[in-house]
Amino acid sequence: MKKILLYHASYVVIEKPDIHFGRKNADFGQGFYLTKDLSFARRWAKELLRKEEEAFQEEIARILEEDES
């Protein structure tokens, strides 16, 4: 049997994939998505990390604004 190498777009190691985790309104519903395209997985992981960093920065700004008032 021929083996194929699959990638999951993440910036953390996923020890136990959970098909019930994730957004219910994702393109194909909840699930643990894989791709054969390493460059696609890397691009998507970088985008996910960028979005998380933006949300983190917004939360810090919100907390600082609350502290000033």
Protein backbone atom coordinates (compact mmCIF):
# COMPACT_ATOMS: atom_id res chain seq x y z
CA MET A 1 0.00 0.00 0.00
CA LYS A 2 1.33 3.42 -0.97
CA LYS A 3 1.64 5.87 1.92
CA ILE A 4 0.83 9.54 1.59
CA LEU A 5 2.10 12.35 3.76
CA LEU A 6 -0.57 14.73 5.04
CA TYR A 7 -0.24 18.06 6.85
CA HIS A 8 -2.49 19.94 9.24
CA ALA A 9 -2.25 23.74 9.23
CA SER A 10 -1.30 24.54 12.81
CA TYR A 11 1.47 26.32 14.67
CA VAL A 12 1.24 23.87 17.59
CA VAL A 13 1.59 20.09 17.76
CA ILE A 14 -1.78 18.32 17.76
CA GLU A 15 -1.30 15.20 19.87
CA LYS A 16 -4.89 13.93 19.61
CA PRO A 17 -6.87 15.28 16.66
CA ASP A 18 -10.48 16.05 17.55
CA ILE A 19 -12.95 16.12 14.66
CA HIS A 20 -15.47 17.95 16.89
CA PHE A 21 -13.16 20.93 17.54
CA GLY A 22 -13.29 24.03 15.40
CA ARG A 23 -15.78 26.40 13.89
CA LYS A 24 -19.17 24.95 13.02
CA ASN A 25 -19.41 27.46 10.17
CA ALA A 26 -16.12 26.43 8.53
CA ASP A 27 -16.22 25.85 4.77
CA PHE A 28 -16.86 22.12 5.15
CA GLY A 29 -18.15 22.09 8.74
CA GLN A 30 -16.29 21.03 11.86
CA GLY A 31 -13.46 18.62 11.41
CA PHE A 32 -9.74 18.02 11.41
CA TYR A 33 -8.59 19.18 7.99
CA LEU A 34 -5.53 17.80 6.23
CA THR A 35 -3.74 18.58 2.98
CA LYS A 36 -1.04 17.01 0.86
CA ASP A 37 0.30 20.51 0.08
CA LEU A 38 2.96 21.51 2.64
CA SER A 39 3.20 25.09 1.37
CA PHE A 40 -0.58 25.52 1.73
CA ALA A 41 -0.48 24.17 5.29
CA ARG A 42 2.36 26.56 6.17
CA ARG A 43 0.57 29.59 4.68
CA TRP A 44 -2.66 28.74 6.49
CA ALA A 45 -0.87 28.18 9.81
CA LYS A 46 0.86 31.57 9.47
CA GLU A 47 -2.50 33.22 8.77
CA LEU A 48 -4.07 31.56 11.82
CA LEU A 49 -1.18 32.71 14.00
CA ARG A 50 -1.42 36.26 12.61
CA LYS A 51 -5.15 36.41 13.43
CA GLU A 52 -4.53 35.10 16.95
CA GLU A 53 -1.77 37.65 17.54
CA GLU A 54 -4.08 40.45 16.34
CA ALA A 55 -6.82 39.31 18.73
CA PHE A 56 -4.28 39.16 21.57
CA GLN A 57 -3.09 42.71 20.84
CA GLU A 58 -6.69 43.96 20.77
CA GLU A 59 -7.36 42.32 24.13
CA ILE A 60 -4.25 43.95 25.64
CA ALA A 61 -5.37 47.35 24.31
CA ARG A 62 -8.86 46.82 25.79
CA ILE A 63 -7.41 45.92 29.21
CA LEU A 64 -5.10 48.93 29.17
CA GLU A 65 -8.02 51.23 28.26
CA GLU A 66 -10.03 49.83 31.19
CA ASP A 67 -7.11 50.43 33.53
CA GLU A 68 -6.86 54.07 32.42
CA SER A 69 -10.52 54.82 33.11
